Amino acid sequence: MFHLLDVPEWLVILLSVMLLDLIVYLQHVMFHTLPLLWRLHRVHHADRDFDTTTGLRFHPIEIFLSMGIKMAAIALIGAPPTAVLLFEILLNATAMFNHGNVSLPVFLDRLMRKIVVTPDMHRVHHSVIPRETNSNYGFNLPWWDYLCGTYRDQPAKGHVGMTIGLSEYQTTLRVVQLPWMLVSPFWNPLDGRSSKDNL
């Protein structure tokens, strides 16, 4: 796309970063919406703690699918290498930041939410309550949640009272074990068992 337009390189870089971020937002929504993709993505959401390691907890197949989507998007829009590098640095840095188990002062959180996804904003997305899980999809820029109507300001029970993870995995420790994470999209050994069996 950008190869067909006569625009300054700085603008191409800026627009490329923004478009790639929009594509990652849409991809995230898709992984929540399509059942087959959700089976992969729930590995990320099954974590009952919310910290920087949660930002790294993705099934390998989801990582490869995400890479494929981003590579197709880069080819389609004609993003220059500088934009791709800048986007990946921003995406990974903000994913570590907004999964961090930190609490910013309210005034600072409110200010930062205008330009970047904060930990309090993204923590809502990791709530066990489905309407909260299906909100605040952004990793880097918060604008897509505002524009697409998926923004939720605060969790219903507050940040102290909210429960992190998925309701079906609250009574088992297996979800933090690597073998479960790898096989759960194909055969979930916890499906159809009682809470007692899952311990």
N, C-alpha and C. Protein backbone atom coordinates (compact mmCIF):
# COMPACT_ATOMS: atom_id res chain seq x y z
N MET A 1 0.83 -1.20 0.00
CA MET A 1 0.00 0.00 0.00
C MET A 1 0.87 1.26 0.00
N PHE A 2 1.84 1.31 0.93
CA PHE A 2 2.65 2.53 1.03
C PHE A 2 3.58 2.72 -0.16
N HIS A 3 3.86 1.62 -0.91
CA HIS A 3 4.69 1.76 -2.11
C HIS A 3 3.95 2.53 -3.20
N LEU A 4 2.63 2.60 -3.10
CA LEU A 4 1.83 3.29 -4.11
C LEU A 4 1.59 4.75 -3.75
N LEU A 5 1.99 5.15 -2.56
CA LEU A 5 1.73 6.51 -2.09
C LEU A 5 3.01 7.30 -2.01
N ASP A 6 2.92 8.58 -2.33
CA ASP A 6 4.07 9.47 -2.25
C ASP A 6 3.98 10.26 -0.95
N VAL A 7 4.46 9.67 0.14
CA VAL A 7 4.40 10.31 1.45
C VAL A 7 5.78 10.25 2.09
N PRO A 8 6.06 11.18 3.00
CA PRO A 8 7.38 11.19 3.66
C PRO A 8 7.63 9.90 4.43
N GLU A 9 8.89 9.51 4.53
CA GLU A 9 9.23 8.25 5.20
C GLU A 9 8.82 8.26 6.66
N TRP A 10 8.97 9.41 7.35
CA TRP A 10 8.60 9.46 8.76
C TRP A 10 7.12 9.17 8.95
N LEU A 11 6.29 9.64 8.00
CA LEU A 11 4.85 9.40 8.08
C LEU A 11 4.53 7.93 7.78
N VAL A 12 5.26 7.34 6.85
CA VAL A 12 5.07 5.92 6.54
C VAL A 12 5.40 5.08 7.77
N ILE A 13 6.47 5.42 8.47
CA ILE A 13 6.87 4.68 9.67
C ILE A 13 5.79 4.81 10.75
N LEU A 14 5.34 6.05 10.97
CA LEU A 14 4.31 6.29 11.99
C LEU A 14 3.02 5.55 11.68
N LEU A 15 2.55 5.66 10.44
CA LEU A 15 1.31 4.99 10.04
C LEU A 15 1.46 3.47 10.05
N SER A 16 2.62 2.98 9.68
CA SER A 16 2.87 1.53 9.70
C SER A 16 2.76 0.99 11.12
N VAL A 17 3.39 1.68 12.07
CA VAL A 17 3.33 1.25 13.47
C VAL A 17 1.89 1.23 13.96
N MET A 18 1.14 2.28 13.62
CA MET A 18 -0.25 2.36 14.06
C MET A 18 -1.10 1.27 13.42
N LEU A 19 -0.91 1.02 12.12
CA LEU A 19 -1.70 -0.01 11.44
C LEU A 19 -1.36 -1.41 11.96
N LEU A 20 -0.09 -1.66 12.21
CA LEU A 20 0.30 -2.95 12.76
C LEU A 20 -0.30 -3.16 14.14
N ASP A 21 -0.37 -2.09 14.92
CA ASP A 21 -0.99 -2.19 16.24
C ASP A 21 -2.48 -2.49 16.12
N LEU A 22 -3.15 -1.86 15.15
CA LEU A 22 -4.57 -2.14 14.91
C LEU A 22 -4.76 -3.59 14.51
N ILE A 23 -3.88 -4.11 13.68
CA ILE A 23 -3.98 -5.51 13.24
C ILE A 23 -3.80 -6.47 14.42
N VAL A 24 -2.87 -6.16 15.33
CA VAL A 24 -2.67 -7.00 16.51
C VAL A 24 -3.91 -6.93 17.41
N TYR A 25 -4.52 -5.76 17.52
CA TYR A 25 -5.78 -5.63 18.28
C TYR A 25 -6.86 -6.52 17.67
N LEU A 26 -7.04 -6.43 16.35
CA LEU A 26 -8.06 -7.24 15.67
C LEU A 26 -7.76 -8.73 15.79
N GLN A 27 -6.49 -9.07 15.71
CA GLN A 27 -6.09 -10.47 15.88
C GLN A 27 -6.47 -10.95 17.28
N HIS A 28 -6.25 -10.12 18.28
CA HIS A 28 -6.57 -10.47 19.66
C HIS A 28 -8.07 -10.72 19.82
N VAL A 29 -8.87 -9.84 19.23
CA VAL A 29 -10.33 -10.03 19.25
C VAL A 29 -10.70 -11.36 18.59
N MET A 30 -10.07 -11.65 17.46
CA MET A 30 -10.34 -12.88 16.72
C MET A 30 -10.01 -14.12 17.57
N PHE A 31 -8.90 -14.07 18.32
CA PHE A 31 -8.52 -15.21 19.15
C PHE A 31 -9.49 -15.42 20.31
N HIS A 32 -10.22 -14.39 20.67
CA HIS A 32 -11.25 -14.53 21.70
C HIS A 32 -12.58 -14.99 21.10
N THR A 33 -12.80 -14.71 19.84
CA THR A 33 -14.10 -14.94 19.21
C THR A 33 -14.24 -16.33 18.59
N LEU A 34 -13.20 -16.80 17.91
CA LEU A 34 -13.27 -18.09 17.22
C LEU A 34 -12.88 -19.22 18.18
N PRO A 35 -13.76 -20.19 18.39
CA PRO A 35 -13.50 -21.24 19.38
C PRO A 35 -12.17 -21.97 19.22
N LEU A 36 -11.79 -22.29 18.00
CA LEU A 36 -10.54 -23.01 17.78
C LEU A 36 -9.34 -22.16 18.22
N LEU A 37 -9.37 -20.88 17.91
CA LEU A 37 -8.28 -19.99 18.30
C LEU A 37 -8.30 -19.71 19.81
N TRP A 38 -9.51 -19.67 20.37
CA TRP A 38 -9.62 -19.46 21.82
C TRP A 38 -8.97 -20.61 22.59
N ARG A 39 -9.05 -21.82 22.07
CA ARG A 39 -8.42 -22.97 22.73
C ARG A 39 -6.90 -22.75 22.87
N LEU A 40 -6.31 -22.08 21.89
CA LEU A 40 -4.89 -21.74 21.98
C LEU A 40 -4.67 -20.57 22.95
N HIS A 41 -5.51 -19.55 22.83
CA HIS A 41 -5.29 -18.32 23.58
C HIS A 41 -5.61 -18.46 25.06
N ARG A 42 -6.46 -19.43 25.42
CA ARG A 42 -6.82 -19.56 26.83
C ARG A 42 -5.62 -19.97 27.69
N VAL A 43 -4.55 -20.49 27.07
CA VAL A 43 -3.32 -20.77 27.81
C VAL A 43 -2.82 -19.48 28.47
N HIS A 44 -2.95 -18.39 27.75
CA HIS A 44 -2.54 -17.08 28.27
C HIS A 44 -3.45 -16.64 29.41
N HIS A 45 -4.74 -16.92 29.29
CA HIS A 45 -5.71 -16.45 30.28
C HIS A 45 -5.86 -17.38 31.49
N ALA A 46 -5.37 -18.61 31.38
CA ALA A 46 -5.52 -19.55 32.50
C ALA A 46 -4.63 -19.20 33.69
N ASP A 47 -3.63 -18.37 33.47
CA ASP A 47 -2.73 -17.95 34.54
C ASP A 47 -3.54 -17.23 35.63
N ARG A 48 -3.45 -17.69 36.86
CA ARG A 48 -4.21 -17.08 37.95
C ARG A 48 -3.47 -15.93 38.63
N ASP A 49 -2.24 -15.71 38.20
CA ASP A 49 -1.49 -14.54 38.66
C ASP A 49 -1.37 -13.58 37.49
N PHE A 50 -1.24 -12.32 37.80
CA PHE A 50 -1.09 -11.30 36.76
C PHE A 50 0.24 -10.61 37.01
N ASP A 51 1.23 -11.01 36.22
CA ASP A 51 2.55 -10.40 36.36
C ASP A 51 3.26 -10.46 35.00
N THR A 52 4.47 -9.99 34.96
CA THR A 52 5.20 -9.89 33.69
C THR A 52 5.30 -11.23 32.97
N THR A 53 5.38 -12.32 33.71
CA THR A 53 5.48 -13.63 33.06
C THR A 53 4.20 -13.97 32.28
N THR A 54 3.07 -13.40 32.68
CA THR A 54 1.82 -13.62 31.95
C THR A 54 1.96 -13.09 30.52
N GLY A 55 2.72 -12.03 30.35
CA GLY A 55 2.94 -11.45 29.02
C GLY A 55 3.77 -12.33 28.11
N LEU A 56 4.38 -13.37 28.66
CA LEU A 56 5.19 -14.31 27.88
C LEU A 56 4.48 -15.64 27.67
N ARG A 57 3.37 -15.84 28.34
CA ARG A 57 2.71 -17.14 28.40
C ARG A 57 1.72 -17.30 27.24
N PHE A 58 2.24 -17.74 26.11
CA PHE A 58 1.40 -17.99 24.93
C PHE A 58 1.76 -19.37 24.37
N HIS A 59 0.76 -20.04 23.84
CA HIS A 59 1.02 -21.34 23.22
C HIS A 59 1.89 -21.14 21.99
N PRO A 60 2.87 -22.02 21.73
CA PRO A 60 3.76 -21.86 20.57
C PRO A 60 3.00 -21.73 19.24
N ILE A 61 1.90 -22.46 19.10
CA ILE A 61 1.14 -22.36 17.84
C ILE A 61 0.52 -20.98 17.69
N GLU A 62 0.06 -20.39 18.80
CA GLU A 62 -0.48 -19.03 18.73
C GLU A 62 0.62 -18.05 18.32
N ILE A 63 1.81 -18.25 18.82
CA ILE A 63 2.94 -17.37 18.47
C ILE A 63 3.22 -17.45 16.97
N PHE A 64 3.24 -18.66 16.42
CA PHE A 64 3.49 -18.82 14.98
C PHE A 64 2.36 -18.24 14.14
N LEU A 65 1.12 -18.44 14.56
CA LEU A 65 -0.01 -17.85 13.84
C LEU A 65 0.07 -16.33 13.86
N SER A 66 0.41 -15.79 15.02
CA SER A 66 0.54 -14.34 15.16
C SER A 66 1.64 -13.81 14.25
N MET A 67 2.77 -14.52 14.19
CA MET A 67 3.86 -14.12 13.29
C MET A 67 3.40 -14.13 11.84
N GLY A 68 2.64 -15.14 11.45
CA GLY A 68 2.13 -15.23 10.08
C GLY A 68 1.20 -14.07 9.74
N ILE A 69 0.32 -13.73 10.67
CA ILE A 69 -0.61 -12.61 10.46
C ILE A 69 0.17 -11.30 10.32
N LYS A 70 1.15 -11.10 11.20
CA LYS A 70 1.95 -9.87 11.13
C LYS A 70 2.77 -9.80 9.85
N MET A 71 3.33 -10.93 9.43
CA MET A 71 4.12 -10.93 8.19
C MET A 71 3.24 -10.60 6.98
N ALA A 72 2.03 -11.13 6.96
CA ALA A 72 1.10 -10.82 5.87
C ALA A 72 0.72 -9.35 5.89
N ALA A 73 0.51 -8.81 7.09
CA ALA A 73 0.16 -7.39 7.22
C ALA A 73 1.30 -6.50 6.77
N ILE A 74 2.52 -6.87 7.14
CA ILE A 74 3.70 -6.09 6.74
C ILE A 74 3.82 -6.05 5.22
N ALA A 75 3.62 -7.21 4.58
CA ALA A 75 3.69 -7.28 3.12
C ALA A 75 2.57 -6.46 2.47
N LEU A 76 1.37 -6.54 3.05
CA LEU A 76 0.22 -5.84 2.48
C LEU A 76 0.38 -4.33 2.53
N ILE A 77 0.80 -3.82 3.69
CA ILE A 77 0.89 -2.36 3.81
C ILE A 77 2.23 -1.82 3.33
N GLY A 78 3.20 -2.71 3.13
CA GLY A 78 4.51 -2.25 2.68
C GLY A 78 5.27 -1.51 3.76
N ALA A 79 5.17 -2.01 5.00
CA ALA A 79 5.84 -1.35 6.12
C ALA A 79 7.35 -1.47 5.97
N PRO A 80 8.07 -0.37 6.13
CA PRO A 80 9.54 -0.43 6.03
C PRO A 80 10.14 -1.15 7.23
N PRO A 81 11.35 -1.71 7.08
CA PRO A 81 12.00 -2.44 8.18
C PRO A 81 12.11 -1.64 9.47
N THR A 82 12.37 -0.34 9.35
CA THR A 82 12.47 0.51 10.55
C THR A 82 11.16 0.49 11.33
N ALA A 83 10.04 0.56 10.63
CA ALA A 83 8.73 0.56 11.28
C ALA A 83 8.46 -0.78 11.95
N VAL A 84 8.82 -1.87 11.28
CA VAL A 84 8.60 -3.20 11.83
C VAL A 84 9.42 -3.39 13.11
N LEU A 85 10.68 -3.00 13.07
CA LEU A 85 11.55 -3.10 14.25
C LEU A 85 11.00 -2.26 15.39
N LEU A 86 10.63 -1.02 15.09
CA LEU A 86 10.09 -0.12 16.11
C LEU A 86 8.80 -0.69 16.71
N PHE A 87 7.93 -1.22 15.85
CA PHE A 87 6.67 -1.79 16.32
C PHE A 87 6.93 -2.98 17.25
N GLU A 88 7.82 -3.88 16.87
CA GLU A 88 8.08 -5.07 17.70
C GLU A 88 8.69 -4.68 19.04
N ILE A 89 9.57 -3.69 19.04
CA ILE A 89 10.15 -3.21 20.30
C ILE A 89 9.05 -2.64 21.20
N LEU A 90 8.20 -1.79 20.63
CA LEU A 90 7.10 -1.19 21.39
C LEU A 90 6.12 -2.25 21.89
N LEU A 91 5.74 -3.17 21.02
CA LEU A 91 4.77 -4.20 21.38
C LEU A 91 5.27 -5.06 22.53
N ASN A 92 6.52 -5.51 22.44
CA ASN A 92 7.06 -6.37 23.49
C ASN A 92 7.29 -5.61 24.79
N ALA A 93 7.76 -4.37 24.69
CA ALA A 93 7.98 -3.57 25.90
C ALA A 93 6.66 -3.26 26.60
N THR A 94 5.64 -2.87 25.83
CA THR A 94 4.36 -2.54 26.45
C THR A 94 3.65 -3.79 26.97
N ALA A 95 3.83 -4.94 26.30
CA ALA A 95 3.23 -6.19 26.80
C ALA A 95 3.83 -6.55 28.16
N MET A 96 5.12 -6.34 28.34
CA MET A 96 5.74 -6.60 29.64
C MET A 96 5.26 -5.58 30.67
N PHE A 97 5.12 -4.33 30.23
CA PHE A 97 4.68 -3.27 31.14
C PHE A 97 3.23 -3.48 31.58
N ASN A 98 2.32 -3.70 30.61
CA ASN A 98 0.92 -3.75 31.01
C ASN A 98 0.49 -5.08 31.63
N HIS A 99 1.38 -6.09 31.62
CA HIS A 99 1.12 -7.30 32.39
C HIS A 99 1.84 -7.25 33.74
N GLY A 100 2.49 -6.16 34.03
CA GLY A 100 3.23 -6.05 35.28
C GLY A 100 2.30 -5.95 36.48
N ASN A 101 2.70 -6.56 37.56
CA ASN A 101 1.92 -6.54 38.79
C ASN A 101 2.26 -5.27 39.57
N VAL A 102 1.89 -4.15 38.98
CA VAL A 102 2.16 -2.85 39.59
C VAL A 102 0.88 -2.02 39.59
N SER A 103 0.85 -1.08 40.50
CA SER A 103 -0.29 -0.18 40.58
C SER A 103 0.22 1.25 40.49
N LEU A 104 -0.19 1.94 39.45
CA LEU A 104 0.22 3.33 39.28
C LEU A 104 -0.70 4.25 40.07
N PRO A 105 -0.23 5.41 40.49
CA PRO A 105 -1.14 6.39 41.09
C PRO A 105 -2.29 6.68 40.13
N VAL A 106 -3.49 6.88 40.66
CA VAL A 106 -4.69 7.04 39.84
C VAL A 106 -4.53 8.14 38.81
N PHE A 107 -4.00 9.29 39.21
CA PHE A 107 -3.86 10.41 38.28
C PHE A 107 -2.92 10.06 37.13
N LEU A 108 -1.85 9.31 37.43
CA LEU A 108 -0.89 8.93 36.39
C LEU A 108 -1.48 7.87 35.46
N ASP A 109 -2.22 6.92 36.04
CA ASP A 109 -2.88 5.90 35.23
C ASP A 109 -3.86 6.54 34.26
N ARG A 110 -4.66 7.49 34.74
CA ARG A 110 -5.64 8.18 33.89
C ARG A 110 -4.95 8.92 32.74
N LEU A 111 -3.85 9.54 33.05
CA LEU A 111 -3.10 10.30 32.04
C LEU A 111 -2.48 9.36 31.01
N MET A 112 -1.85 8.28 31.48
CA MET A 112 -1.16 7.35 30.59
C MET A 112 -2.12 6.58 29.69
N ARG A 113 -3.34 6.30 30.18
CA ARG A 113 -4.33 5.55 29.40
C ARG A 113 -4.70 6.24 28.09
N LYS A 114 -4.39 7.49 27.98
CA LYS A 114 -4.70 8.21 26.73
C LYS A 114 -3.73 7.83 25.60
N ILE A 115 -2.54 7.32 25.98
CA ILE A 115 -1.55 7.03 24.94
C ILE A 115 -0.99 5.61 24.98
N VAL A 116 -1.16 4.90 26.11
CA VAL A 116 -0.61 3.55 26.23
C VAL A 116 -1.51 2.72 27.15
N VAL A 117 -1.54 1.41 26.93
CA VAL A 117 -2.30 0.51 27.79
C VAL A 117 -1.54 0.33 29.10
N THR A 118 -2.20 0.62 30.21
CA THR A 118 -1.57 0.53 31.53
C THR A 118 -1.89 -0.83 32.18
N PRO A 119 -1.15 -1.20 33.23
CA PRO A 119 -1.45 -2.47 33.91
C PRO A 119 -2.88 -2.55 34.44
N ASP A 120 -3.39 -1.47 35.04
CA ASP A 120 -4.77 -1.49 35.55
C ASP A 120 -5.77 -1.65 34.42
N MET A 121 -5.50 -1.04 33.29
CA MET A 121 -6.41 -1.16 32.14
C MET A 121 -6.42 -2.59 31.62
N HIS A 122 -5.24 -3.19 31.46
CA HIS A 122 -5.18 -4.53 30.87
C HIS A 122 -5.56 -5.62 31.88
N ARG A 123 -5.37 -5.36 33.17
CA ARG A 123 -5.73 -6.36 34.18
C ARG A 123 -7.21 -6.72 34.08
N VAL A 124 -8.05 -5.76 33.72
CA VAL A 124 -9.49 -6.02 33.55
C VAL A 124 -9.69 -7.16 32.56
N HIS A 125 -8.88 -7.20 31.52
CA HIS A 125 -8.98 -8.19 30.46
C HIS A 125 -8.71 -9.61 30.98
N HIS A 126 -8.05 -9.73 32.12
CA HIS A 126 -7.70 -11.04 32.69
C HIS A 126 -8.64 -11.45 33.83
N SER A 127 -9.77 -10.79 33.93
CA SER A 127 -10.78 -11.14 34.92
C SER A 127 -11.49 -12.44 34.54
N VAL A 128 -12.01 -13.16 35.55
CA VAL A 128 -12.78 -14.38 35.26
C VAL A 128 -14.17 -14.06 34.72
N ILE A 129 -14.61 -12.82 34.86
CA ILE A 129 -15.94 -12.42 34.38
C ILE A 129 -15.87 -12.24 32.86
N PRO A 130 -16.64 -13.01 32.08
CA PRO A 130 -16.51 -12.98 30.61
C PRO A 130 -16.63 -11.60 29.99
N ARG A 131 -17.55 -10.77 30.45
CA ARG A 131 -17.70 -9.45 29.83
C ARG A 131 -16.47 -8.58 30.06
N GLU A 132 -15.71 -8.89 31.11
CA GLU A 132 -14.46 -8.16 31.36
C GLU A 132 -13.32 -8.80 30.57
N THR A 133 -13.31 -10.14 30.48
CA THR A 133 -12.30 -10.83 29.66
C THR A 133 -12.38 -10.37 28.21
N ASN A 134 -13.60 -10.11 27.75
CA ASN A 134 -13.82 -9.70 26.37
C ASN A 134 -13.86 -8.18 26.25
N SER A 135 -12.90 -7.53 26.86
CA SER A 135 -12.73 -6.08 26.77
C SER A 135 -11.25 -5.77 26.88
N ASN A 136 -10.89 -4.52 26.62
CA ASN A 136 -9.51 -4.04 26.78
C ASN A 136 -8.49 -4.97 26.11
N TYR A 137 -8.67 -5.15 24.81
CA TYR A 137 -7.83 -6.07 24.03
C TYR A 137 -6.45 -5.49 23.69
N GLY A 138 -6.30 -4.19 23.78
CA GLY A 138 -5.06 -3.55 23.34
C GLY A 138 -3.85 -3.96 24.17
N PHE A 139 -2.69 -4.03 23.51
CA PHE A 139 -1.43 -4.28 24.20
C PHE A 139 -0.59 -3.01 24.25
N ASN A 140 -0.66 -2.22 23.21
CA ASN A 140 0.20 -1.06 23.07
C ASN A 140 -0.63 0.22 23.11
N LEU A 141 -1.35 0.49 22.03
CA LEU A 141 -2.18 1.69 21.96
C LEU A 141 -3.59 1.39 22.48
N PRO A 142 -4.15 2.25 23.32
CA PRO A 142 -5.48 2.01 23.87
C PRO A 142 -6.61 2.48 22.95
N TRP A 143 -6.29 3.19 21.87
CA TRP A 143 -7.30 3.87 21.06
C TRP A 143 -8.27 2.93 20.39
N TRP A 144 -7.82 1.73 20.03
CA TRP A 144 -8.71 0.80 19.31
C TRP A 144 -9.84 0.34 20.23
N ASP A 145 -9.56 0.14 21.51
CA ASP A 145 -10.62 -0.23 22.46
C ASP A 145 -11.63 0.91 22.59
N TYR A 146 -11.14 2.15 22.62
CA TYR A 146 -12.06 3.29 22.71
C TYR A 146 -12.93 3.38 21.46
N LEU A 147 -12.31 3.27 20.30
CA LEU A 147 -13.03 3.44 19.03
C LEU A 147 -13.98 2.29 18.72
N CYS A 148 -13.62 1.07 19.12
CA CYS A 148 -14.42 -0.12 18.78
C CYS A 148 -15.40 -0.52 19.88
N GLY A 149 -15.44 0.25 20.94
CA GLY A 149 -16.42 -0.02 22.01
C GLY A 149 -16.06 -1.19 22.90
N THR A 150 -14.79 -1.56 22.97
CA THR A 150 -14.38 -2.69 23.80
C THR A 150 -13.66 -2.23 25.07
N TYR A 151 -13.70 -0.95 25.34
CA TYR A 151 -13.01 -0.42 26.52
C TYR A 151 -13.88 -0.58 27.77
N ARG A 152 -13.29 -1.05 28.84
CA ARG A 152 -13.95 -1.13 30.15
C ARG A 152 -13.02 -0.47 31.15
N ASP A 153 -13.52 0.54 31.83
CA ASP A 153 -12.69 1.36 32.70
C ASP A 153 -12.13 0.60 33.90
N GLN A 154 -13.00 -0.08 34.65
CA GLN A 154 -12.59 -0.76 35.87
C GLN A 154 -13.30 -2.11 35.99
N PRO A 155 -12.71 -3.07 36.72
CA PRO A 155 -13.41 -4.34 36.96
C PRO A 155 -14.56 -4.11 37.94
N ALA A 156 -15.61 -4.92 37.81
CA ALA A 156 -16.80 -4.76 38.65
C ALA A 156 -16.47 -4.87 40.13
N LYS A 157 -15.55 -5.75 40.50
CA LYS A 157 -15.21 -5.97 41.91
C LYS A 157 -13.99 -5.17 42.36
N GLY A 158 -13.51 -4.28 41.50
CA GLY A 158 -12.32 -3.51 41.83
C GLY A 158 -11.07 -4.35 41.65
N HIS A 159 -9.93 -3.70 41.58
CA HIS A 159 -8.69 -4.42 41.32
C HIS A 159 -8.26 -5.32 42.47
N VAL A 160 -8.64 -4.94 43.69
CA VAL A 160 -8.28 -5.76 44.85
C VAL A 160 -9.19 -6.99 44.94
N GLY A 161 -10.48 -6.81 44.61
CA GLY A 161 -11.44 -7.89 44.76
C GLY A 161 -11.62 -8.79 43.56
N MET A 162 -11.06 -8.42 42.42
CA MET A 162 -11.27 -9.22 41.21
C MET A 162 -10.50 -10.53 41.26
N THR A 163 -11.02 -11.53 40.53
CA THR A 163 -10.35 -12.82 40.41
C THR A 163 -9.73 -12.92 39.03
N ILE A 164 -8.46 -13.30 38.99
CA ILE A 164 -7.71 -13.40 37.74
C ILE A 164 -7.78 -14.83 37.20
N GLY A 165 -7.82 -14.96 35.89
CA GLY A 165 -7.76 -16.28 35.25
C GLY A 165 -9.06 -16.66 34.59
N LEU A 166 -9.32 -17.96 34.50
CA LEU A 166 -10.56 -18.49 33.93
C LEU A 166 -11.27 -19.27 35.03
N SER A 167 -12.59 -19.10 35.11
CA SER A 167 -13.35 -19.69 36.21
C SER A 167 -13.19 -21.21 36.28
N GLU A 168 -13.07 -21.87 35.11
CA GLU A 168 -12.99 -23.33 35.11
C GLU A 168 -11.65 -23.87 35.61
N TYR A 169 -10.67 -22.98 35.79
CA TYR A 169 -9.34 -23.45 36.21
C TYR A 169 -8.91 -22.85 37.55
N GLN A 170 -9.86 -22.48 38.38
CA GLN A 170 -9.51 -21.85 39.65
C GLN A 170 -9.11 -22.86 40.72
N THR A 171 -9.43 -24.14 40.52
CA THR A 171 -9.19 -25.12 41.58
C THR A 171 -8.07 -26.09 41.26
N THR A 172 -7.29 -25.81 40.25
CA THR A 172 -6.21 -26.73 39.89
C THR A 172 -4.89 -26.00 39.73
N LEU A 173 -3.83 -26.71 40.04
CA LEU A 173 -2.48 -26.16 39.86
C LEU A 173 -1.88 -26.58 38.53
N ARG A 174 -2.55 -27.49 37.81
CA ARG A 174 -1.98 -28.00 36.57
C ARG A 174 -1.82 -26.93 35.50
N VAL A 175 -2.62 -25.88 35.57
CA VAL A 175 -2.58 -24.87 34.52
C VAL A 175 -1.26 -24.12 34.48
N VAL A 176 -0.45 -24.22 35.53
CA VAL A 176 0.85 -23.54 35.53
C VAL A 176 1.97 -24.48 35.09
N GLN A 177 1.63 -25.71 34.77
CA GLN A 177 2.63 -26.68 34.37
C GLN A 177 2.74 -26.74 32.85
N LEU A 178 3.98 -26.79 32.35
CA LEU A 178 4.23 -26.75 30.91
C LEU A 178 3.51 -27.85 30.13
N PRO A 179 3.48 -29.11 30.60
CA PRO A 179 2.77 -30.13 29.82
C PRO A 179 1.30 -29.79 29.58
N TRP A 180 0.61 -29.27 30.62
CA TRP A 180 -0.79 -28.88 30.45
C TRP A 180 -0.91 -27.77 29.41
N MET A 181 -0.04 -26.79 29.51
CA MET A 181 -0.11 -25.65 28.59
C MET A 181 0.05 -26.10 27.13
N LEU A 182 0.91 -27.06 26.90
CA LEU A 182 1.17 -27.51 25.53
C LEU A 182 0.04 -28.37 24.96
N VAL A 183 -0.58 -29.22 25.80
CA VAL A 183 -1.59 -30.15 25.27
C VAL A 183 -3.01 -29.64 25.40
N SER A 184 -3.26 -28.66 26.24
CA SER A 184 -4.64 -28.25 26.52
C SER A 184 -5.45 -27.83 25.30
N PRO A 185 -4.86 -27.18 24.27
CA PRO A 185 -5.70 -26.84 23.11
C PRO A 185 -6.23 -28.06 22.36
N PHE A 186 -5.55 -29.20 22.45
CA PHE A 186 -5.92 -30.39 21.70
C PHE A 186 -6.69 -31.40 22.55
N TRP A 187 -6.26 -31.54 23.77
CA TRP A 187 -6.92 -32.44 24.70
C TRP A 187 -6.71 -31.86 26.08
N ASN A 188 -7.78 -31.32 26.63
CA ASN A 188 -7.65 -30.68 27.93
C ASN A 188 -7.97 -31.70 29.01
N PRO A 189 -6.98 -32.15 29.75
CA PRO A 189 -7.21 -33.17 30.77
C PRO A 189 -8.10 -32.69 31.91
N LEU A 190 -8.43 -31.39 31.93
CA LEU A 190 -9.29 -30.87 32.99
C LEU A 190 -10.76 -30.81 32.56
N ASP A 191 -11.04 -30.91 31.27
CA ASP A 191 -12.42 -30.82 30.80
C ASP A 191 -13.24 -31.99 31.33
N GLY A 192 -14.42 -31.67 31.83
CA GLY A 192 -15.36 -32.70 32.24
C GLY A 192 -15.03 -33.38 33.55
N ARG A 193 -14.12 -32.84 34.33
CA ARG A 193 -13.80 -33.43 35.61
C ARG A 193 -14.28 -32.53 36.74
N SER A 194 -14.47 -33.10 37.89
CA SER A 194 -14.91 -32.32 39.04
C SER A 194 -13.73 -31.53 39.58
N SER A 195 -14.03 -30.54 40.43
CA SER A 195 -12.97 -29.74 41.03
C SER A 195 -12.04 -30.61 41.86
N LYS A 196 -12.59 -31.62 42.51
CA LYS A 196 -11.77 -32.50 43.34
C LYS A 196 -10.77 -33.26 42.47
N ASP A 197 -11.22 -33.70 41.27
CA ASP A 197 -10.34 -34.45 40.38
C ASP A 197 -9.20 -33.58 39.83
N ASN A 198 -9.42 -32.27 39.81
CA ASN A 198 -8.46 -31.37 39.16
C ASN A 198 -7.31 -30.96 40.08
N LEU A 199 -7.38 -31.32 41.32
CA LEU A 199 -6.31 -30.90 42.23
C LEU A 199 -5.05 -31.72 42.04
